[in-house]
Amino acid sequence: LVYGRDFVSADKISANSRLIDKTMMKWLSTM
């Protein structure tokens, strides 16, 4: 989403995004 000459900002990444990040990083750390 764009407004004017920039994107529409969000406060933070979503809970789903954080869960995927944690899962993948922990999985990779075991390998």
mmCIF file of all heavy atoms, coordinates in Angstrom:
data_MODEL
# 
_entry.id   MODEL 
# 
loop_
_atom_site.group_PDB 
_atom_site.id 
_atom_site.type_symbol 
_atom_site.label_atom_id 
_atom_site.label_alt_id 
_atom_site.label_comp_id 
_atom_site.label_asym_id 
_atom_site.label_entity_id 
_atom_site.label_seq_id 
_atom_site.pdbx_PDB_ins_code 
_atom_site.Cartn_x 
_atom_site.Cartn_y 
_atom_site.Cartn_z 
_atom_site.occupancy 
_atom_site.B_iso_or_equiv 
_atom_site.pdbx_formal_charge 
_atom_site.auth_seq_id 
_atom_site.auth_comp_id 
_atom_site.auth_asym_id 
_atom_site.auth_atom_id 
_atom_site.pdbx_PDB_model_num 
ATOM 1   N N   . LEU A 1 1  ? 0.815  -1.203  0.000  1.00 0.00 ? 1  LEU A N   1 
ATOM 2   C CA  . LEU A 1 1  ? 0.000  0.000   0.000  1.00 0.00 ? 1  LEU A CA  1 
ATOM 3   C C   . LEU A 1 1  ? 0.859  1.267   0.000  1.00 0.00 ? 1  LEU A C   1 
ATOM 4   O O   . LEU A 1 1  ? 1.826  1.384   0.757  1.00 0.00 ? 1  LEU A O   1 
ATOM 5   C CB  . LEU A 1 1  ? -0.929 -0.002  1.213  1.00 0.00 ? 1  LEU A CB  1 
ATOM 6   C CG  . LEU A 1 1  ? -1.970 -1.142  1.234  1.00 0.00 ? 1  LEU A CG  1 
ATOM 7   C CD1 . LEU A 1 1  ? -2.821 -1.064  2.492  1.00 0.00 ? 1  LEU A CD1 1 
ATOM 8   C CD2 . LEU A 1 1  ? -2.853 -1.101  -0.018 1.00 0.00 ? 1  LEU A CD2 1 
ATOM 9   N N   . VAL A 1 2  ? 0.455  2.186   -0.868 1.00 0.00 ? 2  VAL A N   1 
ATOM 10  C CA  . VAL A 1 2  ? 1.185  3.440   -1.066 1.00 0.00 ? 2  VAL A CA  1 
ATOM 11  C C   . VAL A 1 2  ? 0.290  4.616   -0.694 1.00 0.00 ? 2  VAL A C   1 
ATOM 12  O O   . VAL A 1 2  ? -0.912 4.619   -0.986 1.00 0.00 ? 2  VAL A O   1 
ATOM 13  C CB  . VAL A 1 2  ? 1.629  3.579   -2.537 1.00 0.00 ? 2  VAL A CB  1 
ATOM 14  C CG1 . VAL A 1 2  ? 2.361  4.890   -2.759 1.00 0.00 ? 2  VAL A CG1 1 
ATOM 15  C CG2 . VAL A 1 2  ? 2.505  2.399   -2.949 1.00 0.00 ? 2  VAL A CG2 1 
ATOM 16  N N   . TYR A 1 3  ? 0.899  5.615   -0.056 1.00 0.00 ? 3  TYR A N   1 
ATOM 17  C CA  . TYR A 1 3  ? 0.180  6.857   0.216  1.00 0.00 ? 3  TYR A CA  1 
ATOM 18  C C   . TYR A 1 3  ? 1.128  8.002   -0.096 1.00 0.00 ? 3  TYR A C   1 
ATOM 19  O O   . TYR A 1 3  ? 2.202  8.119   0.498  1.00 0.00 ? 3  TYR A O   1 
ATOM 20  C CB  . TYR A 1 3  ? -0.276 6.932   1.673  1.00 0.00 ? 3  TYR A CB  1 
ATOM 21  C CG  . TYR A 1 3  ? -1.102 8.159   1.977  1.00 0.00 ? 3  TYR A CG  1 
ATOM 22  C CD1 . TYR A 1 3  ? -2.440 8.237   1.586  1.00 0.00 ? 3  TYR A CD1 1 
ATOM 23  C CD2 . TYR A 1 3  ? -0.536 9.254   2.630  1.00 0.00 ? 3  TYR A CD2 1 
ATOM 24  C CE1 . TYR A 1 3  ? -3.200 9.358   1.851  1.00 0.00 ? 3  TYR A CE1 1 
ATOM 25  C CE2 . TYR A 1 3  ? -1.290 10.381  2.901  1.00 0.00 ? 3  TYR A CE2 1 
ATOM 26  C CZ  . TYR A 1 3  ? -2.626 10.432  2.502  1.00 0.00 ? 3  TYR A CZ  1 
ATOM 27  O OH  . TYR A 1 3  ? -3.375 11.558  2.748  1.00 0.00 ? 3  TYR A OH  1 
ATOM 28  N N   . GLY A 1 4  ? 0.750  8.850   -1.055 1.00 0.00 ? 4  GLY A N   1 
ATOM 29  C CA  . GLY A 1 4  ? 1.634  9.934   -1.464 1.00 0.00 ? 4  GLY A CA  1 
ATOM 30  C C   . GLY A 1 4  ? 2.872  9.383   -2.145 1.00 0.00 ? 4  GLY A C   1 
ATOM 31  O O   . GLY A 1 4  ? 2.772  8.646   -3.114 1.00 0.00 ? 4  GLY A O   1 
ATOM 32  N N   . ARG A 1 5  ? 4.036  9.709   -1.611 1.00 0.00 ? 5  ARG A N   1 
ATOM 33  C CA  . ARG A 1 5  ? 5.297  9.269   -2.217 1.00 0.00 ? 5  ARG A CA  1 
ATOM 34  C C   . ARG A 1 5  ? 5.998  8.196   -1.376 1.00 0.00 ? 5  ARG A C   1 
ATOM 35  O O   . ARG A 1 5  ? 7.193  7.976   -1.510 1.00 0.00 ? 5  ARG A O   1 
ATOM 36  C CB  . ARG A 1 5  ? 6.229  10.470  -2.417 1.00 0.00 ? 5  ARG A CB  1 
ATOM 37  C CG  . ARG A 1 5  ? 6.659  11.154  -1.134 1.00 0.00 ? 5  ARG A CG  1 
ATOM 38  C CD  . ARG A 1 5  ? 7.385  12.452  -1.392 1.00 0.00 ? 5  ARG A CD  1 
ATOM 39  N NE  . ARG A 1 5  ? 8.521  12.285  -2.281 1.00 0.00 ? 5  ARG A NE  1 
ATOM 40  C CZ  . ARG A 1 5  ? 9.725  11.884  -1.883 1.00 0.00 ? 5  ARG A CZ  1 
ATOM 41  N NH1 . ARG A 1 5  ? 9.919  11.548  -0.602 1.00 0.00 ? 5  ARG A NH1 1 
ATOM 42  N NH2 . ARG A 1 5  ? 10.714 11.815  -2.733 1.00 0.00 ? 5  ARG A NH2 1 
ATOM 43  N N   . ASP A 1 6  ? 5.254  7.516   -0.512 1.00 0.00 ? 6  ASP A N   1 
ATOM 44  C CA  . ASP A 1 6  ? 5.867  6.493   0.335  1.00 0.00 ? 6  ASP A CA  1 
ATOM 45  C C   . ASP A 1 6  ? 4.862  5.376   0.598  1.00 0.00 ? 6  ASP A C   1 
ATOM 46  O O   . ASP A 1 6  ? 3.680  5.483   0.250  1.00 0.00 ? 6  ASP A O   1 
ATOM 47  C CB  . ASP A 1 6  ? 6.321  7.106   1.661  1.00 0.00 ? 6  ASP A CB  1 
ATOM 48  C CG  . ASP A 1 6  ? 7.422  6.290   2.334  1.00 0.00 ? 6  ASP A CG  1 
ATOM 49  O OD1 . ASP A 1 6  ? 7.714  5.181   1.852  1.00 0.00 ? 6  ASP A OD1 1 
ATOM 50  O OD2 . ASP A 1 6  ? 7.985  6.774   3.342  1.00 0.00 ? 6  ASP A OD2 1 
ATOM 51  N N   . PHE A 1 7  ? 5.342  4.322   1.224  1.00 0.00 ? 7  PHE A N   1 
ATOM 52  C CA  . PHE A 1 7  ? 4.471  3.210   1.589  1.00 0.00 ? 7  PHE A CA  1 
ATOM 53  C C   . PHE A 1 7  ? 3.747  3.522   2.896  1.00 0.00 ? 7  PHE A C   1 
ATOM 54  O O   . PHE A 1 7  ? 4.181  4.374   3.675  1.00 0.00 ? 7  PHE A O   1 
ATOM 55  C CB  . PHE A 1 7  ? 5.292  1.925   1.746  1.00 0.00 ? 7  PHE A CB  1 
ATOM 56  C CG  . PHE A 1 7  ? 5.962  1.481   0.483  1.00 0.00 ? 7  PHE A CG  1 
ATOM 57  C CD1 . PHE A 1 7  ? 7.318  1.658   0.291  1.00 0.00 ? 7  PHE A CD1 1 
ATOM 58  C CD2 . PHE A 1 7  ? 5.220  0.891   -0.536 1.00 0.00 ? 7  PHE A CD2 1 
ATOM 59  C CE1 . PHE A 1 7  ? 7.941  1.259   -0.885 1.00 0.00 ? 7  PHE A CE1 1 
ATOM 60  C CE2 . PHE A 1 7  ? 5.825  0.486   -1.719 1.00 0.00 ? 7  PHE A CE2 1 
ATOM 61  C CZ  . PHE A 1 7  ? 7.186  0.672   -1.888 1.00 0.00 ? 7  PHE A CZ  1 
ATOM 62  N N   . VAL A 1 8  ? 2.650  2.814   3.126  1.00 0.00 ? 8  VAL A N   1 
ATOM 63  C CA  . VAL A 1 8  ? 1.899  2.971   4.367  1.00 0.00 ? 8  VAL A CA  1 
ATOM 64  C C   . VAL A 1 8  ? 2.590  2.141   5.445  1.00 0.00 ? 8  VAL A C   1 
ATOM 65  O O   . VAL A 1 8  ? 2.708  0.914   5.323  1.00 0.00 ? 8  VAL A O   1 
ATOM 66  C CB  . VAL A 1 8  ? 0.435  2.510   4.195  1.00 0.00 ? 8  VAL A CB  1 
ATOM 67  C CG1 . VAL A 1 8  ? -0.332 2.671   5.511  1.00 0.00 ? 8  VAL A CG1 1 
ATOM 68  C CG2 . VAL A 1 8  ? -0.243 3.293   3.077  1.00 0.00 ? 8  VAL A CG2 1 
ATOM 69  N N   . SER A 1 9  ? 3.045  2.778   6.479  1.00 0.00 ? 9  SER A N   1 
ATOM 70  C CA  . SER A 1 9  ? 3.827  2.091   7.515  1.00 0.00 ? 9  SER A CA  1 
ATOM 71  C C   . SER A 1 9  ? 2.943  1.262   8.446  1.00 0.00 ? 9  SER A C   1 
ATOM 72  O O   . SER A 1 9  ? 1.789  1.606   8.707  1.00 0.00 ? 9  SER A O   1 
ATOM 73  C CB  . SER A 1 9  ? 4.607  3.107   8.350  1.00 0.00 ? 9  SER A CB  1 
ATOM 74  O OG  . SER A 1 9  ? 5.576  3.751   7.568  1.00 0.00 ? 9  SER A OG  1 
ATOM 75  N N   . ALA A 1 10 ? 3.524  0.174   8.947  1.00 0.00 ? 10 ALA A N   1 
ATOM 76  C CA  . ALA A 1 10 ? 2.890  -0.653  9.978  1.00 0.00 ? 10 ALA A CA  1 
ATOM 77  C C   . ALA A 1 10 ? 3.762  -0.578  11.224 1.00 0.00 ? 10 ALA A C   1 
ATOM 78  O O   . ALA A 1 10 ? 4.957  -0.283  11.151 1.00 0.00 ? 10 ALA A O   1 
ATOM 79  C CB  . ALA A 1 10 ? 2.750  -2.095  9.500  1.00 0.00 ? 10 ALA A CB  1 
ATOM 80  N N   . ASP A 1 11 ? 3.185  -0.863  12.373 1.00 0.00 ? 11 ASP A N   1 
ATOM 81  C CA  . ASP A 1 11 ? 3.915  -0.737  13.636 1.00 0.00 ? 11 ASP A CA  1 
ATOM 82  C C   . ASP A 1 11 ? 4.981  -1.817  13.817 1.00 0.00 ? 11 ASP A C   1 
ATOM 83  O O   . ASP A 1 11 ? 6.086  -1.548  14.285 1.00 0.00 ? 11 ASP A O   1 
ATOM 84  C CB  . ASP A 1 11 ? 2.945  -0.782  14.825 1.00 0.00 ? 11 ASP A CB  1 
ATOM 85  C CG  . ASP A 1 11 ? 2.023  0.424   14.849 1.00 0.00 ? 11 ASP A CG  1 
ATOM 86  O OD1 . ASP A 1 11 ? 2.434  1.494   14.359 1.00 0.00 ? 11 ASP A OD1 1 
ATOM 87  O OD2 . ASP A 1 11 ? 0.890  0.293   15.346 1.00 0.00 ? 11 ASP A OD2 1 
ATOM 88  N N   . LYS A 1 12 ? 4.645  -3.046  13.443 1.00 0.00 ? 12 LYS A N   1 
ATOM 89  C CA  . LYS A 1 12 ? 5.562  -4.165  13.658 1.00 0.00 ? 12 LYS A CA  1 
ATOM 90  C C   . LYS A 1 12 ? 5.152  -5.343  12.777 1.00 0.00 ? 12 LYS A C   1 
ATOM 91  O O   . LYS A 1 12 ? 4.055  -5.354  12.207 1.00 0.00 ? 12 LYS A O   1 
ATOM 92  C CB  . LYS A 1 12 ? 5.543  -4.597  15.120 1.00 0.00 ? 12 LYS A CB  1 
ATOM 93  C CG  . LYS A 1 12 ? 4.158  -4.992  15.629 1.00 0.00 ? 12 LYS A CG  1 
ATOM 94  C CD  . LYS A 1 12 ? 4.190  -5.300  17.131 1.00 0.00 ? 12 LYS A CD  1 
ATOM 95  C CE  . LYS A 1 12 ? 2.797  -5.661  17.631 1.00 0.00 ? 12 LYS A CE  1 
ATOM 96  N NZ  . LYS A 1 12 ? 2.799  -5.940  19.086 1.00 0.00 ? 12 LYS A NZ  1 
ATOM 97  N N   . ILE A 1 13 ? 6.046  -6.326  12.649 1.00 0.00 ? 13 ILE A N   1 
ATOM 98  C CA  . ILE A 1 13 ? 5.687  -7.516  11.886 1.00 0.00 ? 13 ILE A CA  1 
ATOM 99  C C   . ILE A 1 13 ? 4.647  -8.311  12.671 1.00 0.00 ? 13 ILE A C   1 
ATOM 100 O O   . ILE A 1 13 ? 4.586  -8.225  13.905 1.00 0.00 ? 13 ILE A O   1 
ATOM 101 C CB  . ILE A 1 13 ? 6.913  -8.405  11.551 1.00 0.00 ? 13 ILE A CB  1 
ATOM 102 C CG1 . ILE A 1 13 ? 7.594  -8.901  12.827 1.00 0.00 ? 13 ILE A CG1 1 
ATOM 103 C CG2 . ILE A 1 13 ? 7.886  -7.668  10.666 1.00 0.00 ? 13 ILE A CG2 1 
ATOM 104 C CD1 . ILE A 1 13 ? 8.687  -9.919  12.556 1.00 0.00 ? 13 ILE A CD1 1 
ATOM 105 N N   . SER A 1 14 ? 3.855  -9.084  11.968 1.00 0.00 ? 14 SER A N   1 
ATOM 106 C CA  . SER A 1 14 ? 2.738  -9.786  12.599 1.00 0.00 ? 14 SER A CA  1 
ATOM 107 C C   . SER A 1 14 ? 3.216  -10.967 13.444 1.00 0.00 ? 14 SER A C   1 
ATOM 108 O O   . SER A 1 14 ? 4.367  -11.415 13.346 1.00 0.00 ? 14 SER A O   1 
ATOM 109 C CB  . SER A 1 14 ? 1.782  -10.301 11.524 1.00 0.00 ? 14 SER A CB  1 
ATOM 110 O OG  . SER A 1 14 ? 2.391  -11.366 10.808 1.00 0.00 ? 14 SER A OG  1 
ATOM 111 N N   . ALA A 1 15 ? 2.296  -11.486 14.246 1.00 0.00 ? 15 ALA A N   1 
ATOM 112 C CA  . ALA A 1 15 ? 2.596  -12.663 15.074 1.00 0.00 ? 15 ALA A CA  1 
ATOM 113 C C   . ALA A 1 15 ? 2.936  -13.859 14.195 1.00 0.00 ? 15 ALA A C   1 
ATOM 114 O O   . ALA A 1 15 ? 3.847  -14.641 14.508 1.00 0.00 ? 15 ALA A O   1 
ATOM 115 C CB  . ALA A 1 15 ? 1.398  -12.987 15.967 1.00 0.00 ? 15 ALA A CB  1 
ATOM 116 N N   . ASN A 1 16 ? 2.224  -14.025 13.071 1.00 0.00 ? 16 ASN A N   1 
ATOM 117 C CA  . ASN A 1 16 ? 2.510  -15.137 12.154 1.00 0.00 ? 16 ASN A CA  1 
ATOM 118 C C   . ASN A 1 16 ? 3.924  -15.051 11.616 1.00 0.00 ? 16 ASN A C   1 
ATOM 119 O O   . ASN A 1 16 ? 4.639  -16.054 11.530 1.00 0.00 ? 16 ASN A O   1 
ATOM 120 C CB  . ASN A 1 16 ? 1.512  -15.128 10.985 1.00 0.00 ? 16 ASN A CB  1 
ATOM 121 C CG  . ASN A 1 16 ? 0.138  -15.607 11.380 1.00 0.00 ? 16 ASN A CG  1 
ATOM 122 O OD1 . ASN A 1 16 ? -0.011 -16.340 12.351 1.00 0.00 ? 16 ASN A OD1 1 
ATOM 123 N ND2 . ASN A 1 16 ? -0.875 -15.195 10.648 1.00 0.00 ? 16 ASN A ND2 1 
ATOM 124 N N   . SER A 1 17 ? 4.327  -13.839 11.233 1.00 0.00 ? 17 SER A N   1 
ATOM 125 C CA  . SER A 1 17 ? 5.674  -13.644 10.697 1.00 0.00 ? 17 SER A CA  1 
ATOM 126 C C   . SER A 1 17 ? 6.725  -13.973 11.746 1.00 0.00 ? 17 SER A C   1 
ATOM 127 O O   . SER A 1 17 ? 7.737  -14.622 11.456 1.00 0.00 ? 17 SER A O   1 
ATOM 128 C CB  . SER A 1 17 ? 5.831  -12.200 10.217 1.00 0.00 ? 17 SER A CB  1 
ATOM 129 O OG  . SER A 1 17 ? 7.100  -11.997 9.638  1.00 0.00 ? 17 SER A OG  1 
ATOM 130 N N   . ARG A 1 18 ? 6.494  -13.547 12.980 1.00 0.00 ? 18 ARG A N   1 
ATOM 131 C CA  . ARG A 1 18 ? 7.454  -13.834 14.056 1.00 0.00 ? 18 ARG A CA  1 
ATOM 132 C C   . ARG A 1 18 ? 7.545  -15.326 14.346 1.00 0.00 ? 18 ARG A C   1 
ATOM 133 O O   . ARG A 1 18 ? 8.633  -15.853 14.614 1.00 0.00 ? 18 ARG A O   1 
ATOM 134 C CB  . ARG A 1 18 ? 7.061  -13.070 15.331 1.00 0.00 ? 18 ARG A CB  1 
ATOM 135 C CG  . ARG A 1 18 ? 7.229  -11.558 15.228 1.00 0.00 ? 18 ARG A CG  1 
ATOM 136 C CD  . ARG A 1 18 ? 7.198  -10.888 16.598 1.00 0.00 ? 18 ARG A CD  1 
ATOM 137 N NE  . ARG A 1 18 ? 5.911  -11.077 17.266 1.00 0.00 ? 18 ARG A NE  1 
ATOM 138 C CZ  . ARG A 1 18 ? 4.877  -10.267 17.103 1.00 0.00 ? 18 ARG A CZ  1 
ATOM 139 N NH1 . ARG A 1 18 ? 4.965  -9.229  16.293 1.00 0.00 ? 18 ARG A NH1 1 
ATOM 140 N NH2 . ARG A 1 18 ? 3.742  -10.486 17.753 1.00 0.00 ? 18 ARG A NH2 1 
ATOM 141 N N   . LEU A 1 19 ? 6.405  -16.026 14.282 1.00 0.00 ? 19 LEU A N   1 
ATOM 142 C CA  . LEU A 1 19 ? 6.401  -17.475 14.529 1.00 0.00 ? 19 LEU A CA  1 
ATOM 143 C C   . LEU A 1 19 ? 7.208  -18.215 13.461 1.00 0.00 ? 19 LEU A C   1 
ATOM 144 O O   . LEU A 1 19 ? 7.979  -19.133 13.773 1.00 0.00 ? 19 LEU A O   1 
ATOM 145 C CB  . LEU A 1 19 ? 4.963  -17.998 14.556 1.00 0.00 ? 19 LEU A CB  1 
ATOM 146 C CG  . LEU A 1 19 ? 4.148  -17.706 15.817 1.00 0.00 ? 19 LEU A CG  1 
ATOM 147 C CD1 . LEU A 1 19 ? 2.699  -18.128 15.628 1.00 0.00 ? 19 LEU A CD1 1 
ATOM 148 C CD2 . LEU A 1 19 ? 4.756  -18.420 17.025 1.00 0.00 ? 19 LEU A CD2 1 
ATOM 149 N N   . ILE A 1 20 ? 7.023  -17.821 12.208 1.00 0.00 ? 20 ILE A N   1 
ATOM 150 C CA  . ILE A 1 20 ? 7.770  -18.468 11.116 1.00 0.00 ? 20 ILE A CA  1 
ATOM 151 C C   . ILE A 1 20 ? 9.259  -18.195 11.262 1.00 0.00 ? 20 ILE A C   1 
ATOM 152 O O   . ILE A 1 20 ? 10.093 -19.093 11.093 1.00 0.00 ? 20 ILE A O   1 
ATOM 153 C CB  . ILE A 1 20 ? 7.252  -17.973 9.750  1.00 0.00 ? 20 ILE A CB  1 
ATOM 154 C CG1 . ILE A 1 20 ? 5.855  -18.546 9.490  1.00 0.00 ? 20 ILE A CG1 1 
ATOM 155 C CG2 . ILE A 1 20 ? 8.194  -18.384 8.621  1.00 0.00 ? 20 ILE A CG2 1 
ATOM 156 C CD1 . ILE A 1 20 ? 5.189  -18.019 8.246  1.00 0.00 ? 20 ILE A CD1 1 
ATOM 157 N N   . ASP A 1 21 ? 9.589  -16.956 11.589 1.00 0.00 ? 21 ASP A N   1 
ATOM 158 C CA  . ASP A 1 21 ? 10.991 -16.592 11.774 1.00 0.00 ? 21 ASP A CA  1 
ATOM 159 C C   . ASP A 1 21 ? 11.624 -17.427 12.888 1.00 0.00 ? 21 ASP A C   1 
ATOM 160 O O   . ASP A 1 21 ? 12.701 -18.017 12.716 1.00 0.00 ? 21 ASP A O   1 
ATOM 161 C CB  . ASP A 1 21 ? 11.072 -15.095 12.109 1.00 0.00 ? 21 ASP A CB  1 
ATOM 162 C CG  . ASP A 1 21 ? 12.499 -14.615 12.287 1.00 0.00 ? 21 ASP A CG  1 
ATOM 163 O OD1 . ASP A 1 21 ? 13.398 -15.215 11.684 1.00 0.00 ? 21 ASP A OD1 1 
ATOM 164 O OD2 . ASP A 1 21 ? 12.718 -13.647 13.033 1.00 0.00 ? 21 ASP A OD2 1 
ATOM 165 N N   . LYS A 1 22 ? 10.947 -17.512 14.038 1.00 0.00 ? 22 LYS A N   1 
ATOM 166 C CA  . LYS A 1 22 ? 11.474 -18.298 15.163 1.00 0.00 ? 22 LYS A CA  1 
ATOM 167 C C   . LYS A 1 22 ? 11.621 -19.771 14.802 1.00 0.00 ? 22 LYS A C   1 
ATOM 168 O O   . LYS A 1 22 ? 12.613 -20.413 15.140 1.00 0.00 ? 22 LYS A O   1 
ATOM 169 C CB  . LYS A 1 22 ? 10.546 -18.160 16.375 1.00 0.00 ? 22 LYS A CB  1 
ATOM 170 C CG  . LYS A 1 22 ? 10.603 -16.815 17.077 1.00 0.00 ? 22 LYS A CG  1 
ATOM 171 C CD  . LYS A 1 22 ? 9.663  -16.807 18.278 1.00 0.00 ? 22 LYS A CD  1 
ATOM 172 C CE  . LYS A 1 22 ? 9.670  -15.467 18.984 1.00 0.00 ? 22 LYS A CE  1 
ATOM 173 N NZ  . LYS A 1 22 ? 8.717  -15.442 20.134 1.00 0.00 ? 22 LYS A NZ  1 
ATOM 174 N N   . THR A 1 23 ? 10.601 -20.299 14.105 1.00 0.00 ? 23 THR A N   1 
ATOM 175 C CA  . THR A 1 23 ? 10.615 -21.718 13.742 1.00 0.00 ? 23 THR A CA  1 
ATOM 176 C C   . THR A 1 23 ? 11.772 -22.038 12.807 1.00 0.00 ? 23 THR A C   1 
ATOM 177 O O   . THR A 1 23 ? 12.531 -22.993 13.032 1.00 0.00 ? 23 THR A O   1 
ATOM 178 C CB  . THR A 1 23 ? 9.288  -22.124 13.068 1.00 0.00 ? 23 THR A CB  1 
ATOM 179 O OG1 . THR A 1 23 ? 8.206  -21.888 13.981 1.00 0.00 ? 23 THR A OG1 1 
ATOM 180 C CG2 . THR A 1 23 ? 9.297  -23.591 12.677 1.00 0.00 ? 23 THR A CG2 1 
ATOM 181 N N   . MET A 1 24 ? 11.922 -21.245 11.752 1.00 0.00 ? 24 MET A N   1 
ATOM 182 C CA  . MET A 1 24 ? 12.972 -21.510 10.768 1.00 0.00 ? 24 MET A CA  1 
ATOM 183 C C   . MET A 1 24 ? 14.359 -21.326 11.374 1.00 0.00 ? 24 MET A C   1 
ATOM 184 O O   . MET A 1 24 ? 15.262 -22.136 11.126 1.00 0.00 ? 24 MET A O   1 
ATOM 185 C CB  . MET A 1 24 ? 12.797 -20.589 9.562  1.00 0.00 ? 24 MET A CB  1 
ATOM 186 C CG  . MET A 1 24 ? 11.544 -20.852 8.735  1.00 0.00 ? 24 MET A CG  1 
ATOM 187 S SD  . MET A 1 24 ? 11.437 -22.571 8.140  1.00 0.00 ? 24 MET A SD  1 
ATOM 188 C CE  . MET A 1 24 ? 12.882 -22.676 7.107  1.00 0.00 ? 24 MET A CE  1 
ATOM 189 N N   . MET A 1 25 ? 14.539 -20.284 12.176 1.00 0.00 ? 25 MET A N   1 
ATOM 190 C CA  . MET A 1 25 ? 15.855 -20.039 12.765 1.00 0.00 ? 25 MET A CA  1 
ATOM 191 C C   . MET A 1 25 ? 16.225 -21.142 13.754 1.00 0.00 ? 25 MET A C   1 
ATOM 192 O O   . MET A 1 25 ? 17.382 -21.587 13.789 1.00 0.00 ? 25 MET A O   1 
ATOM 193 C CB  . MET A 1 25 ? 15.879 -18.674 13.457 1.00 0.00 ? 25 MET A CB  1 
ATOM 194 C CG  . MET A 1 25 ? 15.789 -17.485 12.497 1.00 0.00 ? 25 MET A CG  1 
ATOM 195 S SD  . MET A 1 25 ? 17.091 -17.469 11.235 1.00 0.00 ? 25 MET A SD  1 
ATOM 196 C CE  . MET A 1 25 ? 18.539 -17.142 12.240 1.00 0.00 ? 25 MET A CE  1 
ATOM 197 N N   . LYS A 1 26 ? 15.247 -21.605 14.534 1.00 0.00 ? 26 LYS A N   1 
ATOM 198 C CA  . LYS A 1 26 ? 15.532 -22.683 15.485 1.00 0.00 ? 26 LYS A CA  1 
ATOM 199 C C   . LYS A 1 26 ? 15.820 -23.983 14.746 1.00 0.00 ? 26 LYS A C   1 
ATOM 200 O O   . LYS A 1 26 ? 16.720 -24.742 15.123 1.00 0.00 ? 26 LYS A O   1 
ATOM 201 C CB  . LYS A 1 26 ? 14.355 -22.875 16.445 1.00 0.00 ? 26 LYS A CB  1 
ATOM 202 C CG  . LYS A 1 26 ? 14.661 -23.858 17.570 1.00 0.00 ? 26 LYS A CG  1 
ATOM 203 C CD  . LYS A 1 26 ? 13.582 -23.875 18.633 1.00 0.00 ? 26 LYS A CD  1 
ATOM 204 C CE  . LYS A 1 26 ? 13.942 -24.853 19.751 1.00 0.00 ? 26 LYS A CE  1 
ATOM 205 N NZ  . LYS A 1 26 ? 12.923 -24.870 20.826 1.00 0.00 ? 26 LYS A NZ  1 
ATOM 206 N N   . TRP A 1 27 ? 15.046 -24.243 13.685 1.00 0.00 ? 27 TRP A N   1 
ATOM 207 C CA  . TRP A 1 27 ? 15.263 -25.462 12.888 1.00 0.00 ? 27 TRP A CA  1 
ATOM 208 C C   . TRP A 1 27 ? 16.651 -25.446 12.262 1.00 0.00 ? 27 TRP A C   1 
ATOM 209 O O   . TRP A 1 27 ? 17.392 -26.423 12.350 1.00 0.00 ? 27 TRP A O   1 
ATOM 210 C CB  . TRP A 1 27 ? 14.189 -25.553 11.812 1.00 0.00 ? 27 TRP A CB  1 
ATOM 211 C CG  . TRP A 1 27 ? 14.246 -26.790 10.947 1.00 0.00 ? 27 TRP A CG  1 
ATOM 212 C CD1 . TRP A 1 27 ? 14.248 -28.082 11.368 1.00 0.00 ? 27 TRP A CD1 1 
ATOM 213 C CD2 . TRP A 1 27 ? 14.287 -26.839 9.514  1.00 0.00 ? 27 TRP A CD2 1 
ATOM 214 N NE1 . TRP A 1 27 ? 14.285 -28.951 10.288 1.00 0.00 ? 27 TRP A NE1 1 
ATOM 215 C CE2 . TRP A 1 27 ? 14.314 -28.200 9.146  1.00 0.00 ? 27 TRP A CE2 1 
ATOM 216 C CE3 . TRP A 1 27 ? 14.290 -25.859 8.523  1.00 0.00 ? 27 TRP A CE3 1 
ATOM 217 C CZ2 . TRP A 1 27 ? 14.345 -28.610 7.805  1.00 0.00 ? 27 TRP A CZ2 1 
ATOM 218 C CZ3 . TRP A 1 27 ? 14.313 -26.260 7.195  1.00 0.00 ? 27 TRP A CZ3 1 
ATOM 219 C CH2 . TRP A 1 27 ? 14.345 -27.626 6.845  1.00 0.00 ? 27 TRP A CH2 1 
ATOM 220 N N   . LEU A 1 28 ? 17.021 -24.327 11.661 1.00 0.00 ? 28 LEU A N   1 
ATOM 221 C CA  . LEU A 1 28 ? 18.340 -24.229 11.034 1.00 0.00 ? 28 LEU A CA  1 
ATOM 222 C C   . LEU A 1 28 ? 19.459 -24.343 12.058 1.00 0.00 ? 28 LEU A C   1 
ATOM 223 O O   . LEU A 1 28 ? 20.535 -24.880 11.768 1.00 0.00 ? 28 LEU A O   1 
ATOM 224 C CB  . LEU A 1 28 ? 18.461 -22.901 10.269 1.00 0.00 ? 28 LEU A CB  1 
ATOM 225 C CG  . LEU A 1 28 ? 17.622 -22.782 8.990  1.00 0.00 ? 28 LEU A CG  1 
ATOM 226 C CD1 . LEU A 1 28 ? 17.680 -21.362 8.450  1.00 0.00 ? 28 LEU A CD1 1 
ATOM 227 C CD2 . LEU A 1 28 ? 18.102 -23.767 7.932  1.00 0.00 ? 28 LEU A CD2 1 
ATOM 228 N N   . SER A 1 29 ? 19.216 -23.850 13.284 1.00 0.00 ? 29 SER A N   1 
ATOM 229 C CA  . SER A 1 29 ? 20.246 -23.919 14.320 1.00 0.00 ? 29 SER A CA  1 
ATOM 230 C C   . SER A 1 29 ? 20.536 -25.348 14.756 1.00 0.00 ? 29 SER A C   1 
ATOM 231 O O   . SER A 1 29 ? 21.592 -25.620 15.337 1.00 0.00 ? 29 SER A O   1 
ATOM 232 C CB  . SER A 1 29 ? 19.838 -23.078 15.534 1.00 0.00 ? 29 SER A CB  1 
ATOM 233 O OG  . SER A 1 29 ? 18.770 -23.691 16.248 1.00 0.00 ? 29 SER A OG  1 
ATOM 234 N N   . THR A 1 30 ? 19.595 -26.264 14.501 1.00 0.00 ? 30 THR A N   1 
ATOM 235 C CA  . THR A 1 30 ? 19.794 -27.672 14.869 1.00 0.00 ? 30 THR A CA  1 
ATOM 236 C C   . THR A 1 30 ? 20.513 -28.446 13.767 1.00 0.00 ? 30 THR A C   1 
ATOM 237 O O   . THR A 1 30 ? 20.790 -29.631 13.936 1.00 0.00 ? 30 THR A O   1 
ATOM 238 C CB  . THR A 1 30 ? 18.451 -28.367 15.148 1.00 0.00 ? 30 THR A CB  1 
ATOM 239 O OG1 . THR A 1 30 ? 17.695 -28.481 13.935 1.00 0.00 ? 30 THR A OG1 1 
ATOM 240 C CG2 . THR A 1 30 ? 17.644 -27.600 16.189 1.00 0.00 ? 30 THR A CG2 1 
ATOM 241 N N   . MET A 1 31 ? 20.786 -27.771 12.639 1.00 0.00 ? 31 MET A N   1 
ATOM 242 C CA  . MET A 1 31 ? 21.367 -28.453 11.476 1.00 0.00 ? 31 MET A CA  1 
ATOM 243 C C   . MET A 1 31 ? 22.764 -27.928 11.172 1.00 0.00 ? 31 MET A C   1 
ATOM 244 O O   . MET A 1 31 ? 23.011 -26.722 11.229 1.00 0.00 ? 31 MET A O   1 
ATOM 245 C CB  . MET A 1 31 ? 20.468 -28.240 10.238 1.00 0.00 ? 31 MET A CB  1 
ATOM 246 C CG  . MET A 1 31 ? 19.052 -28.767 10.407 1.00 0.00 ? 31 MET A CG  1 
ATOM 247 S SD  . MET A 1 31 ? 17.908 -28.070 9.168  1.00 0.00 ? 31 MET A SD  1 
ATOM 248 C CE  . MET A 1 31 ? 18.563 -28.779 7.657  1.00 0.00 ? 31 MET A CE  1 
# 
